[in-house]
Amino acid sequence: MITVQILALVIIVALIIGWHVTWLATRVDRANVRAERTWAALDAALVRRAQRALELVLMPGIDPATALLVSEAATAALEPNLSRHDRERAESDLSHVLDAVGPLLPTSYNRLESERARASICRRLHNDAVATALSLRRRYTVRILQLAGRAAEPRPFEMADGQCAHSDGWSPAVGEAGQTVIVPAAEN
């Protein structure tokens, strides 16, 4: 009789361990999928933000130097073949340029601000999803049993969200014709 009880206990423990491993593998998979989906949403939001920035160039009353600066930053952010690091830098540069140009824009132009806010929210959601996936992947059980499979390890997207006080090296200045232009801070 003792043998039957020990066998039953071993089967129950094996089922519990199997259930836990299956549950953990599913959780890791869902975290990876969530990180991929949030990356897709962030990428789309960043593209929309850069496209709205390009629309600034067409606004009447924009100084040509400012228009050139914005168009160069937006075009660099829209470049399709950038590495992850270069994309982060290009998006940060665009944020800094938009911060510098912000005071020059009419108050009625809020489409860009809504796209900037959406991109900022998407970036935070993506980085949260990546942090969750990475914390699950670092668990001892997940590493030993390789429950993450061959899925690439997600990475957070680091960029300047904007609204900084011109600590980026760009600042507004008054041009020859009295118009406000954006120049590197060293030239002021």
Protein backbone atom coordinates (compact mmCIF):
# COMPACT_ATOMS: atom_id res chain seq x y z
CA MET A 1 0.00 0.00 0.00
CA ILE A 2 2.86 2.39 0.77
CA THR A 3 4.24 1.86 -2.75
CA VAL A 4 0.94 2.97 -4.31
CA GLN A 5 0.89 6.11 -2.16
CA ILE A 6 4.48 6.99 -3.04
CA LEU A 7 3.77 6.40 -6.73
CA ALA A 8 0.66 8.61 -6.52
CA LEU A 9 2.65 11.34 -4.79
CA VAL A 10 5.40 11.18 -7.43
CA ILE A 11 2.80 11.43 -10.21
CA ILE A 12 1.13 14.42 -8.53
CA VAL A 13 4.47 16.21 -8.04
CA ALA A 14 5.43 15.49 -11.68
CA LEU A 15 2.09 16.90 -12.88
CA ILE A 16 2.52 20.03 -10.77
CA ILE A 17 6.06 20.58 -12.04
CA GLY A 18 4.94 19.95 -15.64
CA TRP A 19 2.06 22.38 -15.25
CA HIS A 20 4.36 25.04 -13.77
CA VAL A 21 6.93 24.68 -16.58
CA THR A 22 4.19 24.85 -19.22
CA TRP A 23 2.66 27.90 -17.56
CA LEU A 24 6.05 29.63 -17.36
CA ALA A 25 6.88 28.84 -21.00
CA THR A 26 3.52 30.29 -22.08
CA ARG A 27 4.15 33.39 -20.00
CA VAL A 28 7.60 33.92 -21.54
CA ASP A 29 6.17 33.47 -25.03
CA ARG A 30 3.38 35.97 -24.37
CA ALA A 31 5.87 38.48 -22.98
CA ASN A 32 8.00 38.15 -26.12
CA VAL A 33 4.95 38.56 -28.36
CA ARG A 34 3.85 41.62 -26.37
CA ALA A 35 7.31 43.17 -26.78
CA GLU A 36 7.16 42.57 -30.55
CA ARG A 37 3.67 44.11 -30.80
CA THR A 38 4.63 47.15 -28.78
CA TRP A 39 7.70 47.58 -31.01
CA ALA A 40 5.45 47.58 -34.08
CA ALA A 41 3.19 50.21 -32.46
CA LEU A 42 6.21 52.31 -31.45
CA ASP A 43 7.71 52.09 -34.93
CA ALA A 44 4.44 53.24 -36.49
CA ALA A 45 4.10 56.11 -34.00
CA LEU A 46 7.66 57.26 -34.66
CA VAL A 47 7.06 57.22 -38.42
CA ARG A 48 3.86 59.25 -38.01
CA ARG A 49 5.71 61.73 -35.79
CA ALA A 50 8.46 62.18 -38.40
CA GLN A 51 5.87 62.62 -41.17
CA ARG A 52 4.08 65.31 -39.14
CA ALA A 53 7.44 66.99 -38.61
CA LEU A 54 7.97 67.02 -42.37
CA GLU A 55 4.63 68.81 -42.70
CA LEU A 56 6.13 71.69 -40.69
CA VAL A 57 8.37 72.51 -43.63
CA LEU A 58 5.31 73.35 -45.69
CA MET A 59 3.85 75.75 -43.10
CA PRO A 60 3.83 79.39 -44.16
CA GLY A 61 6.12 81.64 -42.16
CA ILE A 62 8.68 79.00 -41.24
CA ASP A 63 12.22 80.25 -41.55
CA PRO A 64 14.16 78.40 -44.30
CA ALA A 65 16.97 77.45 -41.91
CA THR A 66 14.46 76.04 -39.41
CA ALA A 67 12.66 74.21 -42.21
CA LEU A 68 15.94 72.71 -43.37
CA LEU A 69 16.86 71.60 -39.86
CA VAL A 70 13.46 69.98 -39.29
CA SER A 71 13.42 68.30 -42.69
CA GLU A 72 16.93 66.88 -42.22
CA ALA A 73 16.10 65.50 -38.77
CA ALA A 74 12.78 64.04 -39.95
CA THR A 75 14.34 62.53 -43.06
CA ALA A 76 17.10 60.94 -40.98
CA ALA A 77 14.46 59.46 -38.64
CA LEU A 78 12.56 58.03 -41.62
CA GLU A 79 15.64 56.33 -43.11
CA PRO A 80 14.62 52.65 -43.49
CA ASN A 81 18.04 50.99 -43.19
CA LEU A 82 19.24 52.39 -39.88
CA SER A 83 20.69 50.19 -37.18
CA ARG A 84 18.90 50.20 -33.83
CA HIS A 85 21.49 52.52 -32.27
CA ASP A 86 21.39 54.93 -35.23
CA ARG A 87 17.59 54.94 -35.16
CA GLU A 88 17.60 55.82 -31.46
CA ARG A 89 20.02 58.68 -32.16
CA ALA A 90 18.01 59.94 -35.16
CA GLU A 91 14.76 59.90 -33.17
CA SER A 92 16.45 61.72 -30.27
CA ASP A 93 17.80 64.34 -32.66
CA LEU A 94 14.33 64.83 -34.10
CA SER A 95 12.93 65.26 -30.58
CA HIS A 96 15.54 67.89 -29.79
CA VAL A 97 14.90 69.77 -33.02
CA LEU A 98 11.15 69.70 -32.42
CA ASP A 99 11.69 71.01 -28.88
CA ALA A 100 13.69 73.90 -30.27
CA VAL A 101 11.14 74.64 -33.00
CA GLY A 102 8.14 74.28 -30.67
CA PRO A 103 8.01 77.92 -29.51
CA LEU A 104 8.05 79.06 -33.13
CA LEU A 105 4.96 77.09 -34.13
CA PRO A 106 1.46 78.53 -34.13
CA THR A 107 -0.66 77.32 -31.22
CA SER A 108 -3.23 75.93 -33.64
CA TYR A 109 -0.76 73.29 -34.88
CA ASN A 110 -1.42 70.52 -32.36
CA ARG A 111 -1.27 67.51 -34.70
CA LEU A 112 2.45 67.22 -34.15
CA GLU A 113 2.07 67.44 -30.37
CA SER A 114 -0.49 64.61 -30.37
CA GLU A 115 1.87 62.44 -32.44
CA ARG A 116 4.74 63.26 -30.09
CA ALA A 117 2.61 62.30 -27.08
CA ARG A 118 1.52 59.07 -28.78
CA ALA A 119 5.13 58.17 -29.61
CA SER A 120 6.17 58.85 -26.02
CA ILE A 121 3.41 56.62 -24.65
CA CYS A 122 4.25 53.86 -27.15
CA ARG A 123 7.92 54.04 -26.16
CA ARG A 124 7.07 53.69 -22.49
CA LEU A 125 4.75 50.76 -23.18
CA HIS A 126 7.42 49.07 -25.30
CA ASN A 127 10.10 49.54 -22.66
CA ASP A 128 7.73 48.16 -19.99
CA ALA A 129 7.00 45.11 -22.15
CA VAL A 130 10.72 44.59 -22.74
CA ALA A 131 11.45 44.87 -19.02
CA THR A 132 8.79 42.24 -18.28
CA ALA A 133 10.13 39.89 -20.95
CA LEU A 134 13.71 40.31 -19.79
CA SER A 135 12.83 39.70 -16.15
CA LEU A 136 11.07 36.46 -17.13
CA ARG A 137 13.97 35.39 -19.34
CA ARG A 138 16.42 35.89 -16.46
CA ARG A 139 14.64 33.42 -14.21
CA TYR A 140 16.69 30.39 -13.35
CA THR A 141 14.07 27.89 -14.58
CA VAL A 142 13.65 29.71 -17.90
CA ARG A 143 17.40 29.80 -18.54
CA ILE A 144 18.06 26.19 -17.53
CA LEU A 145 15.15 24.73 -19.48
CA GLN A 146 15.60 27.25 -22.33
CA LEU A 147 11.92 28.16 -22.25
CA ALA A 148 12.51 31.31 -24.29
CA GLY A 149 13.42 29.12 -27.25
CA ARG A 150 15.19 30.82 -30.10
CA ALA A 151 13.30 34.09 -29.84
CA ALA A 152 15.56 37.11 -30.00
CA GLU A 153 16.00 38.91 -26.73
CA PRO A 154 13.96 42.14 -26.84
CA ARG A 155 15.75 45.44 -26.28
CA PRO A 156 14.39 48.70 -24.91
CA PHE A 157 14.26 51.73 -27.20
CA GLU A 158 16.15 54.63 -25.66
CA MET A 159 15.56 58.08 -27.05
CA ALA A 160 14.90 61.60 -25.86
CA ASP A 161 11.17 62.10 -25.54
CA GLY A 162 11.49 65.81 -25.91
CA GLN A 163 10.44 68.78 -23.85
CA CYS A 164 13.96 69.23 -22.45
CA ALA A 165 15.36 72.66 -21.79
CA HIS A 166 17.75 72.78 -24.74
CA SER A 167 20.39 70.65 -23.09
CA ASP A 168 20.84 69.00 -26.45
CA GLY A 169 23.15 71.55 -28.01
CA TRP A 170 20.46 73.26 -30.13
CA SER A 171 18.85 76.56 -29.27
CA PRO A 172 16.79 79.27 -30.94
CA ALA A 173 18.60 82.36 -32.21
CA VAL A 174 17.63 85.44 -34.18
CA GLY A 175 18.69 85.38 -37.84
CA GLU A 176 19.81 88.27 -40.06
CA ALA A 177 16.28 89.18 -41.14
CA GLY A 178 15.02 89.16 -37.54
CA GLN A 179 13.45 85.72 -37.90
CA THR A 180 13.98 83.06 -35.27
CA VAL A 181 16.14 80.19 -36.49
CA ILE A 182 17.47 77.06 -34.81
CA VAL A 183 21.23 76.79 -34.60
CA PRO A 184 23.72 74.67 -32.68
CA ALA A 185 24.27 76.18 -29.23
CA ALA A 186 27.99 76.73 -29.93
CA GLU A 187 27.12 79.28 -32.65
CA ASN A 188 25.00 81.53 -30.41
